[in-house]
Amino acid sequence: MKTNYHTHTSRCHHALGTDEAYVQAAINNGYSLLGFSDHTPWPYRQRDFVSRIRMSMEEYPGYLASIRRLQKKFCDQIEILVGVEAEYFPEYLGWLEQQLSRGNLDYAIFGNHYRQSDEVRQNNPYFGNCRHREEDLQAYLDCMLKGMESGLFSIIAHPDLFCRSDPSFDEPCRSVSRMICERAKDLNCVLELNVSGYAYARKMGQAGTPHPEFWKIAAEVGNTVILGLDAHHPGALQEDQDREAGLQLAKRLKLKLIDQIPLLR
């Protein structure tokens, strides 16, 4: 089936389009399930801090209400779910646990972007650029393992993010990849083959993610894998070029591909 659990909204400040526009695009292109998983808000300790990469706590109730309204409006055309994409920030995970336990969310995606909250400006690199520094690569691995072990997340988003800025794949990359894949296998975590990297690679004129060498290891280990569009505009749901490229990669490597995940509710 055509499904996508990784869909953002304009509330995160780097996505475009109305919530309903994403739904209409998915319906028009034959999707049977659309999951919204915008970047989660956090109850920041710095009360006056305003994030540039995620919705605010004040916007969160409106996010839930909007997606639940669309669930009802389009219930006879498509299944719609509401989740969030969140990092592993131990000081804030209690809030996420509450949202999941109370049934406010259908699922959560683990997006391992930073080692610390975006409140922290020093020594807090974006993991998509961590390939060149061994200490950052190690921090990525540490956060990845802890996030998977938390048991909070239904999907592990773009686990090969560290390859985004540099397509070379040396022994440290190979070692990190294998540790991620083997731990995911042990914990029955679903890894996301995030096809949004294809558009970035075309823009930059070089290969990046999804990185074939990472996914070769996932195939060897026997990981369970799901495609994710990481849609930041409705057009991502209207065209199939990148989705088809991901499917071809999965077919070539004989990945264990699924199209749905168990829900928390």
C-alpha atoms as a PDB file:
ATOM      1  CA  MET A   1       0.000   0.000   0.000  1.00  0.00           C
ATOM      2  CA  LYS A   2       0.972   3.626  -0.370  1.00  0.00           C
ATOM      3  CA  THR A   3       1.519   4.891   3.170  1.00  0.00           C
ATOM      4  CA  ASN A   4       3.583   7.637   4.766  1.00  0.00           C
ATOM      5  CA  TYR A   5       4.062   8.238   8.487  1.00  0.00           C
ATOM      6  CA  HIS A   6       6.561  11.100   8.139  1.00  0.00           C
ATOM      7  CA  THR A   7       4.702  14.317   7.271  1.00  0.00           C
ATOM      8  CA  HIS A   8       5.413  17.807   8.601  1.00  0.00           C
ATOM      9  CA  THR A   9       3.342  20.981   8.828  1.00  0.00           C
ATOM     10  CA  SER A  10       4.064  24.687   8.530  1.00  0.00           C
ATOM     11  CA  ARG A  11       4.213  24.938  12.329  1.00  0.00           C
ATOM     12  CA  CYS A  12       7.856  23.775  12.301  1.00  0.00           C
ATOM     13  CA  HIS A  13       8.901  26.924  10.355  1.00  0.00           C
ATOM     14  CA  HIS A  14      10.612  24.961   7.565  1.00  0.00           C
ATOM     15  CA  ALA A  15       7.614  23.262   5.921  1.00  0.00           C
ATOM     16  CA  LEU A  16       4.943  24.730   3.656  1.00  0.00           C
ATOM     17  CA  GLY A  17       1.248  24.209   3.015  1.00  0.00           C
ATOM     18  CA  THR A  18      -1.940  23.705   4.980  1.00  0.00           C
ATOM     19  CA  ASP A  19      -2.670  20.465   6.806  1.00  0.00           C
ATOM     20  CA  GLU A  20      -5.573  19.766   4.472  1.00  0.00           C
ATOM     21  CA  ALA A  21      -3.402  20.344   1.388  1.00  0.00           C
ATOM     22  CA  TYR A  22      -1.187  17.429   2.473  1.00  0.00           C
ATOM     23  CA  VAL A  23      -4.255  15.227   2.892  1.00  0.00           C
ATOM     24  CA  GLN A  24      -5.666  16.181  -0.506  1.00  0.00           C
ATOM     25  CA  ALA A  25      -2.321  15.511  -2.176  1.00  0.00           C
ATOM     26  CA  ALA A  26      -2.099  12.092  -0.555  1.00  0.00           C
ATOM     27  CA  ILE A  27      -5.638  11.165  -1.597  1.00  0.00           C
ATOM     28  CA  ASN A  28      -5.061  12.348  -5.163  1.00  0.00           C
ATOM     29  CA  ASN A  29      -1.956  10.163  -5.439  1.00  0.00           C
ATOM     30  CA  GLY A  30      -3.545   7.004  -4.084  1.00  0.00           C
ATOM     31  CA  TYR A  31      -2.261   6.926  -0.508  1.00  0.00           C
ATOM     32  CA  SER A  32      -4.284   4.787   1.875  1.00  0.00           C
ATOM     33  CA  LEU A  33      -2.657   6.145   5.051  1.00  0.00           C
ATOM     34  CA  LEU A  34      -1.102   9.484   5.977  1.00  0.00           C
ATOM     35  CA  GLY A  35       0.595  10.058   9.307  1.00  0.00           C
ATOM     36  CA  PHE A  36       1.480  13.559  10.471  1.00  0.00           C
ATOM     37  CA  SER A  37       4.619  13.677  12.610  1.00  0.00           C
ATOM     38  CA  ASP A  38       5.648  17.291  12.887  1.00  0.00           C
ATOM     39  CA  HIS A  39       8.649  18.277  15.003  1.00  0.00           C
ATOM     40  CA  THR A  40       7.520  18.006  18.596  1.00  0.00           C
ATOM     41  CA  PRO A  41       7.375  20.983  20.917  1.00  0.00           C
ATOM     42  CA  TRP A  42       9.278  20.738  24.189  1.00  0.00           C
ATOM     43  CA  PRO A  43       8.518  22.331  27.573  1.00  0.00           C
ATOM     44  CA  TYR A  44      11.747  24.330  27.483  1.00  0.00           C
ATOM     45  CA  ARG A  45      13.384  25.274  30.752  1.00  0.00           C
ATOM     46  CA  GLN A  46      14.221  28.617  29.190  1.00  0.00           C
ATOM     47  CA  ARG A  47      10.643  29.865  29.151  1.00  0.00           C
ATOM     48  CA  ASP A  48      11.416  32.720  26.785  1.00  0.00           C
ATOM     49  CA  PHE A  49      13.223  30.498  24.246  1.00  0.00           C
ATOM     50  CA  VAL A  50      11.557  30.367  20.817  1.00  0.00           C
ATOM     51  CA  SER A  51      12.606  27.486  18.582  1.00  0.00           C
ATOM     52  CA  ARG A  52      13.094  28.045  14.868  1.00  0.00           C
ATOM     53  CA  ILE A  53      12.741  24.353  13.997  1.00  0.00           C
ATOM     54  CA  ARG A  54       9.581  23.139  15.767  1.00  0.00           C
ATOM     55  CA  MET A  55       6.110  24.147  16.863  1.00  0.00           C
ATOM     56  CA  SER A  56       5.589  25.868  20.190  1.00  0.00           C
ATOM     57  CA  MET A  57       3.751  24.362  23.152  1.00  0.00           C
ATOM     58  CA  GLU A  58       0.981  26.890  22.484  1.00  0.00           C
ATOM     59  CA  GLU A  59       0.539  25.549  18.934  1.00  0.00           C
ATOM     60  CA  TYR A  60       0.460  21.905  19.992  1.00  0.00           C
ATOM     61  CA  PRO A  61      -3.275  21.681  20.957  1.00  0.00           C
ATOM     62  CA  GLY A  62      -4.198  23.244  17.622  1.00  0.00           C
ATOM     63  CA  TYR A  63      -2.003  20.719  15.816  1.00  0.00           C
ATOM     64  CA  LEU A  64      -3.779  17.804  17.478  1.00  0.00           C
ATOM     65  CA  ALA A  65      -7.213  19.331  16.879  1.00  0.00           C
ATOM     66  CA  SER A  66      -6.492  20.033  13.208  1.00  0.00           C
ATOM     67  CA  ILE A  67      -5.326  16.500  12.416  1.00  0.00           C
ATOM     68  CA  ARG A  68      -8.173  14.904  14.392  1.00  0.00           C
ATOM     69  CA  ARG A  69     -10.648  17.095  12.468  1.00  0.00           C
ATOM     70  CA  LEU A  70      -9.139  15.915   9.177  1.00  0.00           C
ATOM     71  CA  GLN A  71      -9.405  12.303  10.381  1.00  0.00           C
ATOM     72  CA  LYS A  72     -13.158  12.721  10.612  1.00  0.00           C
ATOM     73  CA  LYS A  73     -13.578  14.777   7.469  1.00  0.00           C
ATOM     74  CA  PHE A  74     -11.740  12.296   5.232  1.00  0.00           C
ATOM     75  CA  CYS A  75     -12.441   9.056   7.107  1.00  0.00           C
ATOM     76  CA  ASP A  76     -14.033   7.433   4.055  1.00  0.00           C
ATOM     77  CA  GLN A  77     -11.093   8.287   1.768  1.00  0.00           C
ATOM     78  CA  ILE A  78      -7.882   7.840   3.765  1.00  0.00           C
ATOM     79  CA  GLU A  79      -6.673   6.819   7.209  1.00  0.00           C
ATOM     80  CA  ILE A  80      -5.065   9.762   8.997  1.00  0.00           C
ATOM     81  CA  LEU A  81      -2.883   9.512  12.092  1.00  0.00           C
ATOM     82  CA  VAL A  82      -1.243  12.063  14.353  1.00  0.00           C
ATOM     83  CA  GLY A  83       2.221  11.690  15.829  1.00  0.00           C
ATOM     84  CA  VAL A  84       5.394  13.676  16.396  1.00  0.00           C
ATOM     85  CA  GLU A  85       9.034  13.460  15.419  1.00  0.00           C
ATOM     86  CA  ALA A  86      11.212  13.833  18.509  1.00  0.00           C
ATOM     87  CA  GLU A  87      14.840  13.669  19.574  1.00  0.00           C
ATOM     88  CA  TYR A  88      16.311  11.859  22.561  1.00  0.00           C
ATOM     89  CA  PHE A  89      16.435  14.671  25.110  1.00  0.00           C
ATOM     90  CA  PRO A  90      16.256  12.910  28.519  1.00  0.00           C
ATOM     91  CA  GLU A  91      15.208  16.045  30.401  1.00  0.00           C
ATOM     92  CA  TYR A  92      12.050  16.383  28.285  1.00  0.00           C
ATOM     93  CA  LEU A  93      11.088  12.785  27.534  1.00  0.00           C
ATOM     94  CA  GLY A  94       8.698  12.676  30.497  1.00  0.00           C
ATOM     95  CA  TRP A  95       6.433  15.071  28.631  1.00  0.00           C
ATOM     96  CA  LEU A  96       6.485  12.863  25.522  1.00  0.00           C
ATOM     97  CA  GLU A  97       5.749   9.777  27.633  1.00  0.00           C
ATOM     98  CA  GLN A  98       2.678  11.560  29.024  1.00  0.00           C
ATOM     99  CA  GLN A  99       1.402  12.443  25.556  1.00  0.00           C
ATOM    100  CA  LEU A 100       1.741   8.850  24.408  1.00  0.00           C
ATOM    101  CA  SER A 101       0.242   7.293  27.539  1.00  0.00           C
ATOM    102  CA  ARG A 102      -2.745   9.646  27.477  1.00  0.00           C
ATOM    103  CA  GLY A 103      -3.559   8.714  23.892  1.00  0.00           C
ATOM    104  CA  ASN A 104      -2.977  12.202  22.499  1.00  0.00           C
ATOM    105  CA  LEU A 105      -0.673  10.690  19.880  1.00  0.00           C
ATOM    106  CA  ASP A 106      -0.933   7.569  17.735  1.00  0.00           C
ATOM    107  CA  TYR A 107       2.842   7.133  17.491  1.00  0.00           C
ATOM    108  CA  ALA A 108       6.199   8.896  17.730  1.00  0.00           C
ATOM    109  CA  ILE A 109       9.127   8.916  15.313  1.00  0.00           C
ATOM    110  CA  PHE A 110      12.699   9.171  16.566  1.00  0.00           C
ATOM    111  CA  GLY A 111      14.475  11.889  14.595  1.00  0.00           C
ATOM    112  CA  ASN A 112      18.058  11.988  15.877  1.00  0.00           C
ATOM    113  CA  HIS A 113      19.102  15.508  14.864  1.00  0.00           C
ATOM    114  CA  TYR A 114      20.999  16.957  17.844  1.00  0.00           C
ATOM    115  CA  ARG A 115      22.674  15.651  20.995  1.00  0.00           C
ATOM    116  CA  GLN A 116      21.127  18.414  23.121  1.00  0.00           C
ATOM    117  CA  SER A 117      18.030  20.589  23.016  1.00  0.00           C
ATOM    118  CA  ASP A 118      18.087  23.427  20.493  1.00  0.00           C
ATOM    119  CA  GLU A 119      18.257  25.792  23.468  1.00  0.00           C
ATOM    120  CA  VAL A 120      21.943  24.826  23.610  1.00  0.00           C
ATOM    121  CA  ARG A 121      23.983  26.683  21.007  1.00  0.00           C
ATOM    122  CA  GLN A 122      27.499  25.562  21.958  1.00  0.00           C
ATOM    123  CA  ASN A 123      28.927  22.146  21.001  1.00  0.00           C
ATOM    124  CA  ASN A 124      25.592  20.989  19.641  1.00  0.00           C
ATOM    125  CA  PRO A 125      26.156  20.184  15.950  1.00  0.00           C
ATOM    126  CA  TYR A 126      23.504  19.037  13.524  1.00  0.00           C
ATOM    127  CA  PHE A 127      24.083  15.305  13.093  1.00  0.00           C
ATOM    128  CA  GLY A 128      23.570  15.598   9.334  1.00  0.00           C
ATOM    129  CA  ASN A 129      26.953  17.324   9.283  1.00  0.00           C
ATOM    130  CA  CYS A 130      28.740  15.105  11.789  1.00  0.00           C
ATOM    131  CA  ARG A 131      30.583  12.857   9.341  1.00  0.00           C
ATOM    132  CA  HIS A 132      33.867  14.769   9.552  1.00  0.00           C
ATOM    133  CA  ARG A 133      34.337  14.727  13.335  1.00  0.00           C
ATOM    134  CA  GLU A 134      34.837  11.434  15.146  1.00  0.00           C
ATOM    135  CA  GLU A 135      33.445  12.785  18.429  1.00  0.00           C
ATOM    136  CA  ASP A 136      30.251  13.917  16.700  1.00  0.00           C
ATOM    137  CA  LEU A 137      29.852  10.537  15.025  1.00  0.00           C
ATOM    138  CA  GLN A 138      30.212   8.878  18.421  1.00  0.00           C
ATOM    139  CA  ALA A 139      27.642  11.276  19.902  1.00  0.00           C
ATOM    140  CA  TYR A 140      25.254  10.366  17.086  1.00  0.00           C
ATOM    141  CA  LEU A 141      25.675   6.676  17.841  1.00  0.00           C
ATOM    142  CA  ASP A 142      25.207   7.177  21.589  1.00  0.00           C
ATOM    143  CA  CYS A 143      21.991   9.168  21.103  1.00  0.00           C
ATOM    144  CA  MET A 144      20.728   6.676  18.533  1.00  0.00           C
ATOM    145  CA  LEU A 145      21.180   3.688  20.820  1.00  0.00           C
ATOM    146  CA  LYS A 146      19.596   5.440  23.817  1.00  0.00           C
ATOM    147  CA  GLY A 147      16.647   6.592  21.731  1.00  0.00           C
ATOM    148  CA  MET A 148      15.962   3.101  20.417  1.00  0.00           C
ATOM    149  CA  GLU A 149      16.335   1.630  23.899  1.00  0.00           C
ATOM    150  CA  SER A 150      13.796   4.105  25.341  1.00  0.00           C
ATOM    151  CA  GLY A 151      10.941   2.142  23.762  1.00  0.00           C
ATOM    152  CA  LEU A 152       9.047   5.356  22.963  1.00  0.00           C
ATOM    153  CA  PHE A 153       9.414   5.346  19.211  1.00  0.00           C
ATOM    154  CA  SER A 154       7.570   3.381  16.545  1.00  0.00           C
ATOM    155  CA  ILE A 155       9.940   4.344  13.717  1.00  0.00           C
ATOM    156  CA  ILE A 156      13.631   5.278  13.704  1.00  0.00           C
ATOM    157  CA  ALA A 157      13.834   8.092  11.148  1.00  0.00           C
ATOM    158  CA  HIS A 158      16.731   8.438   8.693  1.00  0.00           C
ATOM    159  CA  PRO A 159      19.213   6.268  10.675  1.00  0.00           C
ATOM    160  CA  ASP A 160      21.860   7.036   8.028  1.00  0.00           C
ATOM    161  CA  LEU A 161      21.598  10.818   8.571  1.00  0.00           C
ATOM    162  CA  PHE A 162      25.300  11.012   9.431  1.00  0.00           C
ATOM    163  CA  CYS A 163      26.058  10.222   5.758  1.00  0.00           C
ATOM    164  CA  ARG A 164      24.090  13.224   4.489  1.00  0.00           C
ATOM    165  CA  SER A 165      26.974  15.658   4.071  1.00  0.00           C
ATOM    166  CA  ASP A 166      29.625  13.197   2.894  1.00  0.00           C
ATOM    167  CA  PRO A 167      28.893  10.156   0.714  1.00  0.00           C
ATOM    168  CA  SER A 168      32.217   8.424   1.514  1.00  0.00           C
ATOM    169  CA  PHE A 169      31.810   5.377   3.716  1.00  0.00           C
ATOM    170  CA  ASP A 170      34.889   4.497   5.720  1.00  0.00           C
ATOM    171  CA  GLU A 171      35.413   1.993   8.519  1.00  0.00           C
ATOM    172  CA  PRO A 172      34.045   4.253  11.318  1.00  0.00           C
ATOM    173  CA  CYS A 173      30.855   4.706   9.280  1.00  0.00           C
ATOM    174  CA  ARG A 174      30.635   0.984   8.671  1.00  0.00           C
ATOM    175  CA  SER A 175      31.105   0.235  12.369  1.00  0.00           C
ATOM    176  CA  VAL A 176      28.489   2.785  13.489  1.00  0.00           C
ATOM    177  CA  SER A 177      26.034   1.504  10.893  1.00  0.00           C
ATOM    178  CA  ARG A 178      26.388  -2.094  11.987  1.00  0.00           C
ATOM    179  CA  MET A 179      25.936  -1.211  15.667  1.00  0.00           C
ATOM    180  CA  ILE A 180      22.777   0.745  14.860  1.00  0.00           C
ATOM    181  CA  CYS A 181      21.334  -2.004  12.689  1.00  0.00           C
ATOM    182  CA  GLU A 182      22.151  -4.824  15.093  1.00  0.00           C
ATOM    183  CA  ARG A 183      20.688  -2.983  18.086  1.00  0.00           C
ATOM    184  CA  ALA A 184      17.565  -2.117  16.089  1.00  0.00           C
ATOM    185  CA  LYS A 185      17.206  -5.783  15.198  1.00  0.00           C
ATOM    186  CA  ASP A 186      17.566  -6.818  18.861  1.00  0.00           C
ATOM    187  CA  LEU A 187      14.902  -4.292  19.920  1.00  0.00           C
ATOM    188  CA  ASN A 188      12.518  -4.932  16.975  1.00  0.00           C
ATOM    189  CA  CYS A 189      12.829  -1.287  15.915  1.00  0.00           C
ATOM    190  CA  VAL A 190      11.585  -0.282  12.455  1.00  0.00           C
ATOM    191  CA  LEU A 191      14.190   1.661  10.461  1.00  0.00           C
ATOM    192  CA  GLU A 192      13.002   4.338   8.049  1.00  0.00           C
ATOM    193  CA  LEU A 193      14.388   4.449   4.529  1.00  0.00           C
ATOM    194  CA  ASN A 194      13.987   8.215   4.235  1.00  0.00           C
ATOM    195  CA  VAL A 195      13.723   9.121   0.562  1.00  0.00           C
ATOM    196  CA  SER A 196      13.802  12.909   1.077  1.00  0.00           C
ATOM    197  CA  GLY A 197      17.579  12.643   0.864  1.00  0.00           C
ATOM    198  CA  TYR A 198      17.346  12.064  -2.889  1.00  0.00           C
ATOM    199  CA  ALA A 199      16.120  15.630  -3.482  1.00  0.00           C
ATOM    200  CA  TYR A 200      18.932  17.041  -1.328  1.00  0.00           C
ATOM    201  CA  ALA A 201      21.482  14.929  -3.203  1.00  0.00           C
ATOM    202  CA  ARG A 202      20.233  16.240  -6.548  1.00  0.00           C
ATOM    203  CA  LYS A 203      20.464  19.807  -5.255  1.00  0.00           C
ATOM    204  CA  MET A 204      24.024  19.323  -3.995  1.00  0.00           C
ATOM    205  CA  GLY A 205      25.133  17.312  -7.018  1.00  0.00           C
ATOM    206  CA  GLN A 206      26.423  14.366  -4.996  1.00  0.00           C
ATOM    207  CA  ALA A 207      25.240  11.126  -3.460  1.00  0.00           C
ATOM    208  CA  GLY A 208      24.232  11.191   0.198  1.00  0.00           C
ATOM    209  CA  THR A 209      21.198   9.523   1.737  1.00  0.00           C
ATOM    210  CA  PRO A 210      19.649   7.027   1.570  1.00  0.00           C
ATOM    211  CA  HIS A 211      23.193   5.658   1.609  1.00  0.00           C
ATOM    212  CA  PRO A 212      23.371   2.268  -0.169  1.00  0.00           C
ATOM    213  CA  GLU A 213      26.217   1.035   2.033  1.00  0.00           C
ATOM    214  CA  PHE A 214      24.218   1.640   5.209  1.00  0.00           C
ATOM    215  CA  TRP A 215      21.219  -0.183   3.768  1.00  0.00           C
ATOM    216  CA  LYS A 216      23.372  -3.089   2.591  1.00  0.00           C
ATOM    217  CA  ILE A 217      24.255  -3.615   6.238  1.00  0.00           C
ATOM    218  CA  ALA A 218      20.583  -3.348   7.207  1.00  0.00           C
ATOM    219  CA  ALA A 219      19.800  -6.045   4.656  1.00  0.00           C
ATOM    220  CA  GLU A 220      22.557  -8.292   6.012  1.00  0.00           C
ATOM    221  CA  VAL A 221      21.342  -7.829   9.590  1.00  0.00           C
ATOM    222  CA  GLY A 222      17.709  -8.403   8.572  1.00  0.00           C
ATOM    223  CA  ASN A 223      16.197  -5.145   9.798  1.00  0.00           C
ATOM    224  CA  THR A 224      12.545  -4.302   9.310  1.00  0.00           C
ATOM    225  CA  VAL A 225      12.296  -1.210   7.097  1.00  0.00           C
ATOM    226  CA  ILE A 226       9.585   1.273   6.109  1.00  0.00           C
ATOM    227  CA  LEU A 227       9.715   4.023   3.478  1.00  0.00           C
ATOM    228  CA  GLY A 228       9.329   7.598   4.700  1.00  0.00           C
ATOM    229  CA  LEU A 229       8.828  10.695   2.556  1.00  0.00           C
ATOM    230  CA  ASP A 230       9.719  13.223   5.261  1.00  0.00           C
ATOM    231  CA  ALA A 231       7.274  15.496   3.442  1.00  0.00           C
ATOM    232  CA  HIS A 232       7.775  19.218   4.029  1.00  0.00           C
ATOM    233  CA  HIS A 233       5.353  20.363   1.334  1.00  0.00           C
ATOM    234  CA  PRO A 234       2.264  18.789  -0.289  1.00  0.00           C
ATOM    235  CA  GLY A 235       4.124  18.278  -3.557  1.00  0.00           C
ATOM    236  CA  ALA A 236       6.220  15.568  -1.914  1.00  0.00           C
ATOM    237  CA  LEU A 237       3.045  13.462  -1.772  1.00  0.00           C
ATOM    238  CA  GLN A 238       2.095  14.231  -5.354  1.00  0.00           C
ATOM    239  CA  GLU A 239       5.175  12.884  -7.126  1.00  0.00           C
ATOM    240  CA  ASP A 240       6.567   9.357  -6.918  1.00  0.00           C
ATOM    241  CA  GLN A 241      10.124   9.756  -8.244  1.00  0.00           C
ATOM    242  CA  ASP A 242      11.853   9.519  -4.885  1.00  0.00           C
ATOM    243  CA  ARG A 243       9.450   6.930  -3.503  1.00  0.00           C
ATOM    244  CA  GLU A 244      10.108   4.709  -6.513  1.00  0.00           C
ATOM    245  CA  ALA A 245      13.866   5.170  -6.115  1.00  0.00           C
ATOM    246  CA  GLY A 246      13.556   4.009  -2.507  1.00  0.00           C
ATOM    247  CA  LEU A 247      11.477   1.020  -3.528  1.00  0.00           C
ATOM    248  CA  GLN A 248      14.041   0.050  -6.152  1.00  0.00           C
ATOM    249  CA  LEU A 249      16.854   0.284  -3.603  1.00  0.00           C
ATOM    250  CA  ALA A 250      14.873  -1.869  -1.180  1.00  0.00           C
ATOM    251  CA  LYS A 251      14.142  -4.412  -3.911  1.00  0.00           C
ATOM    252  CA  ARG A 252      17.747  -4.542  -5.091  1.00  0.00           C
ATOM    253  CA  LEU A 253      19.070  -5.119  -1.575  1.00  0.00           C
ATOM    254  CA  LYS A 254      16.163  -7.428  -0.635  1.00  0.00           C
ATOM    255  CA  LEU A 255      15.273  -5.347   2.410  1.00  0.00           C
ATOM    256  CA  LYS A 256      12.471  -6.541   4.667  1.00  0.00           C
ATOM    257  CA  LEU A 257      10.016  -3.792   3.727  1.00  0.00           C
ATOM    258  CA  ILE A 258       6.701  -3.111   5.490  1.00  0.00           C
ATOM    259  CA  ASP A 259       4.052  -0.454   4.816  1.00  0.00           C
ATOM    260  CA  GLN A 260       2.318  -0.210   8.229  1.00  0.00           C
ATOM    261  CA  ILE A 261       3.353  -0.129  11.881  1.00  0.00           C
ATOM    262  CA  PRO A 262       1.471  -1.203  15.032  1.00  0.00           C
ATOM    263  CA  LEU A 263      -0.185   1.757  16.733  1.00  0.00           C
ATOM    264  CA  LEU A 264      -0.085   2.636  20.397  1.00  0.00           C
ATOM    265  CA  ARG A 265      -3.859   2.906  20.699  1.00  0.00           C
END
